[in-house]
Protein backbone atom coordinates (compact mmCIF):
# COMPACT_ATOMS: atom_id res chain seq x y z
CA MET A 1 2.81 25.00 6.56
CA ARG A 2 4.36 22.60 9.14
CA GLN A 3 1.89 19.68 8.24
CA LEU A 4 2.03 20.38 4.36
CA SER A 5 5.89 20.32 4.20
CA ARG A 6 6.60 17.39 6.39
CA ALA A 7 3.69 15.00 5.43
CA ILE A 8 4.84 13.91 2.08
CA GLY A 9 6.62 10.86 2.66
CA VAL A 10 8.54 10.23 -0.35
CA ALA A 11 6.66 11.75 -3.40
CA LEU A 12 8.31 12.04 -6.97
CA GLY A 13 7.76 15.44 -8.65
CA GLY A 14 9.12 17.06 -11.57
CA VAL A 15 10.27 15.08 -14.65
CA VAL A 16 13.43 15.38 -16.94
CA PHE A 17 14.37 13.07 -19.87
CA ALA A 18 16.83 10.84 -18.72
CA SER A 19 20.08 10.78 -20.57
CA SER A 20 23.70 11.57 -20.05
CA ALA A 21 25.98 13.87 -21.98
CA HIS A 22 26.51 11.39 -24.52
CA ALA A 23 23.48 9.10 -24.81
CA ALA A 24 19.73 9.14 -24.47
CA THR A 25 17.77 6.18 -22.77
CA TYR A 26 14.89 4.80 -24.41
CA VAL A 27 12.01 2.08 -23.57
CA VAL A 28 11.22 0.34 -26.49
CA GLN A 29 8.09 -1.83 -26.83
CA ALA A 30 7.34 -4.86 -29.04
CA LYS A 31 3.56 -5.07 -30.44
CA ASN A 32 3.55 -8.47 -28.65
CA LEU A 33 4.85 -9.53 -25.21
CA ALA A 34 7.82 -11.04 -26.33
CA PHE A 35 11.11 -9.59 -27.70
CA ASP A 36 13.05 -12.03 -29.60
CA THR A 37 16.74 -11.97 -30.95
CA GLN A 38 16.09 -11.07 -34.26
CA LEU A 39 13.84 -8.05 -33.20
CA ALA A 40 16.50 -7.14 -30.97
CA ARG A 41 19.07 -6.90 -33.69
CA LYS A 42 16.99 -4.78 -35.72
CA ILE A 43 16.91 -2.26 -32.74
CA GLU A 44 20.69 -2.24 -32.71
CA ALA A 45 20.97 -2.06 -36.56
CA ALA A 46 18.63 1.25 -36.10
CA GLY A 47 21.37 2.74 -33.93
CA GLY A 48 20.80 1.71 -30.45
CA THR A 49 22.91 -0.46 -27.59
CA ILE A 50 20.31 -2.58 -25.67
CA THR A 51 21.32 -2.28 -22.17
CA ALA A 52 18.39 -4.80 -20.79
CA ARG A 53 16.14 -6.99 -22.53
CA LEU A 54 12.85 -7.95 -20.69
CA PRO A 55 11.38 -10.77 -23.36
CA GLN A 56 8.96 -11.60 -20.44
CA ILE A 57 7.11 -8.17 -21.16
CA GLY A 58 8.27 -7.39 -24.88
CA VAL A 59 10.47 -4.61 -23.66
CA VAL A 60 14.20 -3.67 -24.23
CA ILE A 61 16.13 -0.63 -22.93
CA VAL A 62 18.28 0.78 -25.23
CA GLU A 63 21.07 3.96 -25.12
CA SER A 64 21.74 5.74 -28.21
CA THR A 65 23.85 8.93 -29.09
CA ASP A 66 22.19 8.90 -32.55
CA GLY A 67 19.55 11.75 -32.68
CA ALA A 68 17.73 9.70 -35.41
CA PHE A 69 17.59 6.43 -33.49
CA LYS A 70 13.97 7.08 -32.24
CA ALA A 71 12.27 7.74 -35.54
CA ARG A 72 14.25 5.01 -37.48
CA ALA A 73 13.33 2.26 -34.64
CA ALA A 74 9.81 3.27 -34.54
CA LYS A 75 9.76 2.10 -37.99
CA VAL A 76 10.86 -1.41 -37.09
CA GLN A 77 8.31 -4.05 -38.06
CA GLY A 78 6.96 -5.47 -34.72
CA VAL A 79 7.95 -2.43 -32.63
CA ARG A 80 4.83 -0.78 -30.69
CA SER A 81 6.57 2.47 -29.49
CA VAL A 82 10.24 3.91 -28.68
CA ALA A 83 9.86 6.31 -25.86
CA GLN A 84 12.62 8.48 -24.37
CA ASP A 85 13.03 7.44 -20.42
CA ILE A 86 11.83 10.33 -18.28
CA GLU A 87 13.83 10.67 -14.83
CA LEU A 88 11.61 11.25 -11.63
CA GLN A 89 12.78 13.66 -9.17
CA TYR A 90 11.52 12.79 -5.68
CA ASP A 91 11.17 15.01 -2.51
CA VAL A 92 12.73 13.73 0.85
CA PRO A 93 10.49 14.75 3.82
CA GLU A 94 11.48 17.35 5.90
CA ALA A 95 13.75 16.08 8.72
CA THR A 96 11.78 14.98 11.74
CA SER A 97 13.36 13.83 14.97
CA VAL A 98 15.75 10.81 14.93
CA VAL A 99 16.50 8.36 17.62
CA ASP A 100 19.68 6.29 17.90
CA ALA A 101 19.41 2.87 19.11
CA ASP A 102 21.11 3.49 22.25
CA PHE A 103 18.87 6.60 23.23
CA ALA A 104 16.58 4.75 25.88
CA ASN A 105 14.76 1.62 26.93
CA PRO A 106 11.54 2.74 27.63
CA PRO A 107 9.57 0.89 30.23
CA ALA A 108 6.04 -0.89 30.14
CA SER A 109 6.40 -1.80 26.33
CA GLY A 110 4.32 -3.92 24.81
CA ASP A 111 6.72 -6.07 23.44
CA ASN A 112 10.71 -6.39 24.75
CA ASP A 113 11.46 -4.20 21.32
CA THR A 114 12.28 -0.82 22.97
CA ARG A 115 10.25 1.18 20.70
CA PHE A 116 7.32 -0.77 19.93
CA ASN A 117 5.17 1.40 22.03
CA LEU A 118 5.87 4.30 19.30
CA GLU A 119 4.23 2.36 16.56
CA TRP A 120 0.40 3.51 16.83
CA GLY A 121 0.18 1.96 13.48
CA SER A 122 0.57 -1.54 14.62
CA ALA A 123 -2.20 -1.03 17.05
CA ALA A 124 -4.41 0.61 14.31
CA VAL A 125 -4.00 -2.59 12.02
CA ASP A 126 -3.94 -4.99 15.32
CA VAL A 127 -0.85 -6.73 14.31
CA ALA A 128 -0.65 -8.37 18.05
CA GLY A 129 -4.05 -10.05 16.96
CA ALA A 130 -2.51 -11.71 14.02
CA TRP A 131 0.97 -12.67 15.97
CA ASN A 132 -1.27 -14.17 18.85
CA ALA A 133 -3.11 -16.22 16.18
CA GLY A 134 0.20 -17.86 15.27
CA TYR A 135 1.00 -15.65 11.91
CA ARG A 136 3.89 -13.50 11.59
CA GLY A 137 4.81 -13.38 7.87
CA ALA A 138 7.02 -16.59 7.83
CA GLY A 139 7.48 -17.75 4.38
CA ALA A 140 6.25 -14.69 2.50
CA THR A 141 9.05 -12.45 0.71
CA VAL A 142 8.42 -8.63 0.13
CA ALA A 143 10.37 -6.67 -2.50
CA VAL A 144 10.88 -3.02 -1.50
CA LEU A 145 11.47 -0.87 -4.61
CA ASP A 146 12.72 2.06 -3.31
CA SER A 147 15.85 4.28 -2.60
CA GLY A 148 18.15 1.19 -1.19
CA ILE A 149 18.38 0.12 2.36
CA ALA A 150 20.39 -0.08 5.59
CA CYS A 151 21.97 -3.27 5.21
CA LEU A 152 23.59 -3.42 8.48
CA HIS A 153 20.86 -1.99 10.44
CA PRO A 154 20.08 -4.52 13.30
CA ASP A 155 16.13 -4.17 12.41
CA ILE A 156 16.60 -4.73 8.85
CA ALA A 157 19.61 -7.39 8.47
CA ALA A 158 18.34 -10.64 9.76
CA ASN A 159 15.38 -10.28 7.19
CA LEU A 160 17.17 -8.95 4.36
CA LEU A 161 17.93 -11.35 1.48
CA MET A 162 21.45 -9.94 0.65
CA SER A 163 22.76 -11.99 -1.94
CA GLU A 164 19.49 -11.56 -4.00
CA SER A 165 18.92 -7.65 -3.39
CA THR A 166 20.27 -5.41 -6.11
CA SER A 167 20.48 -1.68 -7.37
CA PHE A 168 18.92 -0.50 -10.80
CA VAL A 169 20.45 3.19 -10.03
CA PRO A 170 23.86 3.65 -11.87
CA GLY A 171 26.85 4.17 -9.91
CA GLU A 172 25.09 3.09 -6.63
CA GLY A 173 24.63 -0.12 -4.67
CA VAL A 174 21.79 -1.44 -2.78
CA CYS A 175 23.10 -0.59 0.54
CA LEU A 176 23.06 2.76 2.03
CA THR A 177 26.11 4.54 2.37
CA HIS A 178 25.02 7.95 3.59
CA VAL A 179 24.72 8.57 7.51
CA ASN A 180 22.89 11.12 9.43
CA ALA A 181 20.23 11.36 6.64
CA PHE A 182 16.81 10.00 6.66
CA ASN A 183 16.40 6.80 4.30
CA HIS A 184 12.83 6.29 2.82
CA GLY A 185 13.86 2.63 1.69
CA SER A 186 14.99 1.37 5.10
CA HIS A 187 11.93 3.22 6.88
CA THR A 188 9.60 1.34 4.33
CA ALA A 189 11.32 -1.87 4.61
CA GLY A 190 11.18 -1.70 8.74
CA THR A 191 7.58 -1.10 8.56
CA ILE A 192 6.91 -4.18 6.91
CA ALA A 193 9.74 -6.72 8.26
CA SER A 194 11.56 -5.55 11.11
CA PRO A 195 12.40 -8.65 13.19
CA ASP A 196 11.00 -9.23 16.59
CA ASN A 197 14.39 -9.27 18.05
CA GLY A 198 14.32 -7.35 21.40
CA ILE A 199 15.77 -4.18 19.48
CA GLY A 200 13.99 -1.22 18.58
CA THR A 201 10.93 -1.48 16.42
CA ILE A 202 8.93 -4.64 15.19
CA GLY A 203 7.47 -4.86 11.59
CA VAL A 204 4.00 -5.97 10.73
CA ALA A 205 5.27 -8.96 9.30
CA PRO A 206 8.40 -9.75 11.78
CA GLU A 207 9.32 -13.00 10.06
CA ALA A 208 8.84 -12.12 6.31
CA LYS A 209 11.72 -11.73 4.23
CA ILE A 210 13.06 -8.43 2.42
CA LEU A 211 14.19 -8.27 -1.09
CA ALA A 212 15.66 -4.76 -1.50
CA VAL A 213 15.55 -3.40 -5.21
CA LYS A 214 16.85 -0.02 -5.26
CA VAL A 215 15.25 2.23 -8.25
CA LEU A 216 15.66 5.63 -6.52
CA SER A 217 18.94 7.43 -5.85
CA GLU A 218 19.95 7.84 -2.19
CA VAL A 219 22.18 10.79 -3.28
CA SER A 220 19.93 12.73 -5.93
CA GLY A 221 16.69 11.54 -5.17
CA SER A 222 15.74 10.71 -8.67
CA GLY A 223 14.60 7.70 -10.42
CA SER A 224 13.64 6.34 -14.08
CA PHE A 225 10.92 4.72 -15.32
CA GLN A 226 13.36 2.04 -16.93
CA GLY A 227 14.75 1.34 -13.40
CA ILE A 228 11.07 0.79 -11.82
CA ILE A 229 10.09 -1.49 -14.80
CA ASN A 230 13.65 -3.54 -14.52
CA GLY A 231 12.88 -3.53 -10.75
CA ILE A 232 9.32 -4.99 -10.84
CA VAL A 233 10.30 -7.85 -13.42
CA TYR A 234 13.55 -8.44 -11.36
CA ALA A 235 11.26 -8.82 -8.25
CA ALA A 236 8.88 -11.06 -9.97
CA ASP A 237 11.60 -13.28 -11.42
CA HIS A 238 13.43 -13.50 -7.78
CA GLY A 239 10.62 -15.03 -5.79
CA ALA A 240 8.71 -11.96 -4.52
CA ASP A 241 5.47 -12.59 -3.26
CA VAL A 242 4.66 -8.66 -2.55
CA ILE A 243 6.16 -5.70 -4.54
CA ASN A 244 6.20 -2.70 -2.31
CA MET A 245 6.32 0.78 -4.32
CA SER A 246 6.10 3.75 -2.01
CA LEU A 247 6.79 6.25 -4.77
CA GLY A 248 4.53 8.43 -6.88
CA VAL A 249 4.44 11.49 -8.97
CA ARG A 250 4.02 14.46 -6.86
CA GLY A 251 2.20 17.00 -8.91
CA GLY A 252 1.40 14.63 -11.85
CA LEU A 253 2.65 13.37 -15.12
CA GLN A 254 1.97 15.26 -18.13
CA VAL A 255 -0.98 14.04 -20.01
CA ASN A 256 -1.09 16.40 -22.95
CA GLY A 257 1.36 18.64 -24.78
CA PRO A 258 4.90 17.94 -25.76
CA GLY A 259 6.12 14.42 -24.33
CA ALA A 260 2.64 12.91 -23.61
CA ASN A 261 2.90 10.19 -25.89
CA ASP A 262 6.10 9.03 -24.68
CA THR A 263 4.89 9.37 -21.14
CA ALA A 264 1.84 7.19 -21.96
CA GLU A 265 4.02 4.64 -23.48
CA LEU A 266 6.41 4.60 -20.32
CA VAL A 267 3.27 4.12 -18.13
CA ASN A 268 2.11 1.21 -20.33
CA ALA A 269 5.51 -0.51 -20.27
CA THR A 270 5.13 0.08 -16.53
CA LYS A 271 1.69 -1.70 -16.73
CA ARG A 272 3.19 -4.66 -18.47
CA ALA A 273 5.55 -5.18 -15.67
CA VAL A 274 3.00 -5.06 -13.05
CA ALA A 275 0.74 -7.68 -14.88
CA TYR A 276 3.93 -9.85 -15.62
CA ALA A 277 4.59 -9.72 -11.59
CA ARG A 278 0.91 -10.91 -11.03
CA SER A 279 1.35 -13.87 -13.17
CA GLN A 280 4.15 -14.97 -11.29
CA ASN A 281 1.96 -14.54 -8.16
CA ALA A 282 3.63 -11.18 -6.81
CA ILE A 283 0.96 -8.66 -5.58
CA THR A 284 2.00 -4.97 -6.29
CA ILE A 285 1.26 -2.50 -3.51
CA VAL A 286 1.73 1.22 -4.09
CA SER A 287 1.06 4.58 -2.52
CA ALA A 288 -1.74 6.66 -3.56
CA GLY A 289 -0.18 9.91 -3.58
CA ASN A 290 0.08 12.90 -1.35
CA ASP A 291 -1.51 15.70 -3.51
CA GLY A 292 -4.78 15.75 -1.69
CA ARG A 293 -6.64 15.10 -5.05
CA ASP A 294 -9.80 13.88 -6.03
CA LEU A 295 -8.96 10.90 -8.25
CA ASP A 296 -12.48 10.24 -9.39
CA HIS A 297 -12.30 13.47 -11.29
CA ASP A 298 -8.67 13.91 -12.38
CA SER A 299 -8.41 13.74 -16.21
CA GLY A 300 -7.16 10.70 -17.76
CA VAL A 301 -6.09 9.39 -21.18
CA GLN A 302 -6.86 6.00 -22.92
CA ILE A 303 -4.18 3.74 -23.51
CA CYS A 304 -4.46 0.60 -25.56
CA ASP A 305 -2.15 -2.26 -25.90
CA GLY A 306 -3.61 -4.52 -28.48
CA THR A 307 -7.40 -5.28 -27.52
CA ASP A 308 -6.53 -4.56 -23.97
CA CYS A 309 -7.36 -0.94 -23.43
CA TYR A 310 -7.63 0.97 -20.16
CA ARG A 311 -7.81 4.94 -18.89
CA ALA A 312 -4.78 5.78 -17.07
CA ASN A 313 -4.97 8.56 -14.64
CA LEU A 314 -1.33 9.54 -15.17
CA ARG A 315 -1.40 12.45 -12.35
CA ALA A 316 -1.61 9.24 -9.84
CA PHE A 317 0.85 7.08 -11.30
CA PRO A 318 1.48 4.44 -10.32
CA ALA A 319 -1.49 4.46 -8.06
CA GLN A 320 -3.98 3.97 -11.09
CA LEU A 321 -2.21 1.39 -12.89
CA PRO A 322 -4.35 -1.54 -13.53
CA ASN A 323 -3.49 -4.71 -10.96
CA VAL A 324 -2.00 -2.63 -8.24
CA VAL A 325 -3.51 -2.01 -4.63
CA SER A 326 -3.50 1.37 -3.71
CA VAL A 327 -3.21 2.83 -0.41
CA ALA A 328 -4.61 5.98 1.20
CA ALA A 329 -3.02 7.34 4.53
CA THR A 330 -4.91 7.50 7.93
CA SER A 331 -3.50 9.31 11.15
CA PRO A 332 -4.45 10.32 14.33
CA VAL A 333 -4.09 14.11 15.31
CA GLY A 334 -2.60 14.56 18.71
CA TRP A 335 -1.97 10.77 19.38
CA ALA A 336 0.06 11.53 22.28
CA THR A 337 -2.51 13.94 23.92
CA ALA A 338 -5.58 13.14 25.68
CA GLY A 339 -7.71 13.73 22.92
CA GLY A 340 -5.63 11.73 20.00
CA SER A 341 -7.36 8.40 20.33
CA ASN A 342 -9.00 8.16 16.53
CA LEU A 343 -6.33 6.33 14.65
CA ASP A 344 -8.45 6.29 11.56
CA LEU A 345 -8.56 10.01 10.34
CA PRO A 346 -7.92 10.83 6.82
CA ALA A 347 -4.67 11.95 6.63
CA SER A 348 -4.61 15.97 5.31
CA TYR A 349 -2.67 15.29 2.45
CA THR A 350 -3.68 11.83 1.09
CA ASN A 351 -5.36 11.46 -2.62
CA TYR A 352 -8.56 10.05 -2.62
CA GLY A 353 -11.59 8.78 -4.73
CA GLN A 354 -13.08 5.42 -5.16
CA SER A 355 -11.42 4.95 -8.59
CA GLY A 356 -7.94 5.18 -7.11
CA ILE A 357 -8.27 4.05 -3.69
CA SER A 358 -8.15 0.29 -3.00
CA VAL A 359 -7.84 0.17 0.84
CA ALA A 360 -6.38 2.91 3.51
CA ALA A 361 -3.59 2.13 6.32
CA PRO A 362 -1.90 4.29 8.70
CA GLY A 363 0.55 7.05 7.12
CA GLY A 364 0.70 9.34 9.75
CA ASP A 365 0.09 13.25 9.62
CA PHE A 366 1.81 16.38 11.22
CA ALA A 367 -1.21 18.32 11.32
CA TYR A 368 -1.67 18.83 14.95
CA PRO A 369 -1.60 22.52 15.62
CA GLY A 370 0.39 22.56 18.89
CA ASN A 371 4.08 22.64 19.56
CA GLU A 372 3.96 21.42 23.12
CA ASN A 373 5.98 18.77 24.19
CA CYS A 374 4.69 15.13 25.02
CA VAL A 375 6.37 12.16 26.53
CA VAL A 376 5.91 8.57 24.97
CA ALA A 377 7.61 5.35 26.02
CA GLY A 378 10.24 7.56 27.90
CA ILE A 379 10.90 9.90 24.89
CA ALA A 380 10.27 13.52 24.77
CA ARG A 381 9.40 15.21 21.58
CA PRO A 382 6.69 18.03 20.43
CA CYS A 383 3.29 16.21 20.39
CA TRP A 384 2.94 16.46 16.67
CA VAL A 385 5.86 14.18 15.82
CA PHE A 386 4.56 11.47 17.49
CA ASP A 387 1.58 11.11 14.82
CA GLY A 388 4.17 10.18 12.47
CA VAL A 389 4.99 6.67 11.71
CA PHE A 390 8.10 5.32 13.34
CA ALA A 391 10.68 2.99 11.89
CA VAL A 392 13.91 2.27 10.97
CA GLY A 393 15.64 5.70 9.71
CA GLY A 394 18.98 4.71 8.59
CA TYR A 395 22.34 5.46 10.30
CA ALA A 396 23.53 8.03 12.75
CA GLN A 397 26.88 9.16 13.81
CA ASN A 398 28.48 11.74 15.73
CA PRO A 399 31.93 12.80 14.69
CA GLY A 400 34.63 10.28 15.78
CA GLY A 401 31.93 8.20 17.34
CA PRO A 402 30.54 4.89 16.29
CA LEU A 403 27.83 3.81 13.87
CA LEU A 404 24.41 3.76 14.95
CA ALA A 405 21.15 2.55 14.09
CA SER A 406 18.68 5.33 13.69
CA TYR A 407 14.89 5.40 13.71
CA SER A 408 12.96 8.22 12.56
CA TRP A 409 9.12 9.52 12.12
CA SER A 410 7.97 10.04 8.86
CA SER A 411 4.70 10.78 7.27
CA GLY A 412 2.82 9.90 3.74
CA THR A 413 0.79 7.43 1.64
CA SER A 414 4.73 6.02 1.49
CA MET A 415 4.26 4.89 4.96
CA ALA A 416 0.64 3.72 4.46
CA ALA A 417 1.68 0.94 1.66
CA PRO A 418 4.21 -0.73 3.68
CA HIS A 419 1.55 -1.54 6.55
CA VAL A 420 -0.70 -3.15 3.60
CA SER A 421 2.29 -4.99 2.14
CA GLY A 422 3.04 -6.15 5.80
CA VAL A 423 -0.61 -7.35 6.18
CA ALA A 424 -0.12 -9.18 2.55
CA ALA A 425 2.62 -10.78 3.89
CA LEU A 426 0.86 -12.19 6.90
CA ILE A 427 -1.70 -13.48 4.63
CA ILE A 428 0.51 -15.25 2.52
CA GLY A 429 2.52 -16.71 5.02
CA LYS A 430 -0.53 -18.21 6.64
CA HIS A 431 -1.10 -19.94 3.10
CA GLY A 432 1.98 -21.47 3.05
CA GLY A 433 4.16 -18.96 1.14
CA GLU A 434 2.01 -18.93 -2.14
CA LEU A 435 -1.38 -17.20 -2.72
CA ALA A 436 -2.71 -15.87 -5.88
CA PRO A 437 -2.52 -12.22 -5.98
CA SER A 438 -6.44 -11.85 -6.92
CA GLU A 439 -7.04 -13.99 -3.58
CA VAL A 440 -4.62 -11.89 -1.43
CA GLU A 441 -6.40 -8.68 -2.61
CA ARG A 442 -9.70 -10.32 -1.98
CA ILE A 443 -8.82 -11.17 1.52
CA LEU A 444 -7.51 -7.53 2.45
CA ARG A 445 -10.48 -5.98 1.07
CA ALA A 446 -13.08 -8.26 2.92
CA SER A 447 -11.16 -8.13 6.18
CA SER A 448 -10.55 -4.52 6.43
CA ASP A 449 -12.60 -2.32 8.76
CA ASP A 450 -15.61 -0.68 6.73
CA LEU A 451 -14.97 2.95 7.96
CA GLY A 452 -16.67 6.14 6.45
CA LYS A 453 -19.83 5.70 4.57
CA PRO A 454 -20.68 1.90 4.12
CA GLY A 455 -19.17 0.14 1.28
CA ASN A 456 -16.32 1.49 -1.00
CA ASP A 457 -15.36 4.83 0.19
CA ASP A 458 -13.51 7.87 -1.23
CA TYR A 459 -10.72 7.88 1.86
CA TYR A 460 -10.76 4.29 2.67
CA GLY A 461 -11.58 2.40 -0.46
CA ALA A 462 -12.68 -1.03 1.06
CA GLY A 463 -11.67 0.08 4.61
CA ARG A 464 -8.57 0.37 6.73
CA VAL A 465 -6.80 -2.90 6.60
CA ASN A 466 -6.90 -5.21 9.76
CA ALA A 467 -4.48 -7.87 10.23
CA ALA A 468 -6.07 -10.15 12.80
CA LYS A 469 -9.02 -10.39 10.77
CA ALA A 470 -7.15 -10.64 7.82
CA VAL A 471 -5.37 -13.94 8.98
CA GLN A 472 -9.00 -15.58 9.64
CA PHE A 473 -9.56 -15.83 6.32
């Protein structure tokens, strides 16, 4: 049970309608990809208060205390749908070992950052090969849509675009306020772009910039569709070249029965946001999910937006949205032991299936069966711990003591996606900080190491990404 309870990264599970005691929230889509002032006034006349207007994708976010609002607004000419927002509850992984910044300064490190030797994922994708060729992500901006970020962490701060980072979680700022708790957004951002500063870890693209966009609460572990939709559009409009979404609905969204129509329309609005981001030269990279599901054989529903129809597998949202790069997870088993040299085993929990997996990357796993201790880079922990992905964890503090930068291990496709986002940043940086998403995706696929059966594979997609090969294109 250890590997099942811990190897989940951050996975969204369970849904509730997003509303306060006084107002419900709705995502209203126009039939066209526009939402002019006249149409907005008609929505307000139907009894709603518009809290966000996204004419780029033909969407407005509305609050209303009127129980008849949805029916009235749906009849407005030019409106495609009125869907009550859904809040997604996510599960934080069971705590693994946390290391504060002053714990040790291990000898024989591959770099002067004290914890680089713990980052087996960097070796798996050969980040050193890309760095040695002169490519470290300079010129690329990666938006991290997640649970906020440890803004003061020394392995975050130097690359964080603080003035442009923002939160779409009501009542919470973008910067982490909790201590002695794992922060998923910080772990994700650190994997992508922790600077090479002689402290702690190094991200895949250590000279890329981080745009933190908070769409999940650090307190309750929840986030809504409207927050994610707003976040994608915001990132696209604020210079993101890559959008990392290490989130996914654990156990799946409802595809039939009560509420299914609203769910389908919320997914469609998210699909519009992703398409808009792509039109602004931002590639969206997402985690494939941690349910161990065969995405080729999950049921789906067809959704049409005008003449554009697609089959959305809602159980794998957002992994099977059009125009995303969906990432499966790989891991060693017993890396810290003599027999754990294979870094490319499919993780025990990863979703799979050729229809849903674009590429694979290190996500970690805690499937190693033993509980004996190992020592890596001067740090002693149970051997299974070292199979996780090691990165920024947040803040640690003893009672009355100073605030310390913490690091921790975690596992999930949530940890795999940022490895790919980092490689995408290396590619974009090589090409001067601007490259069409279709070309970035082509290079990611073409440069990946073809594992599993030849060609596209259930567990690896086009292959496990390779940073050194990617910057040769």
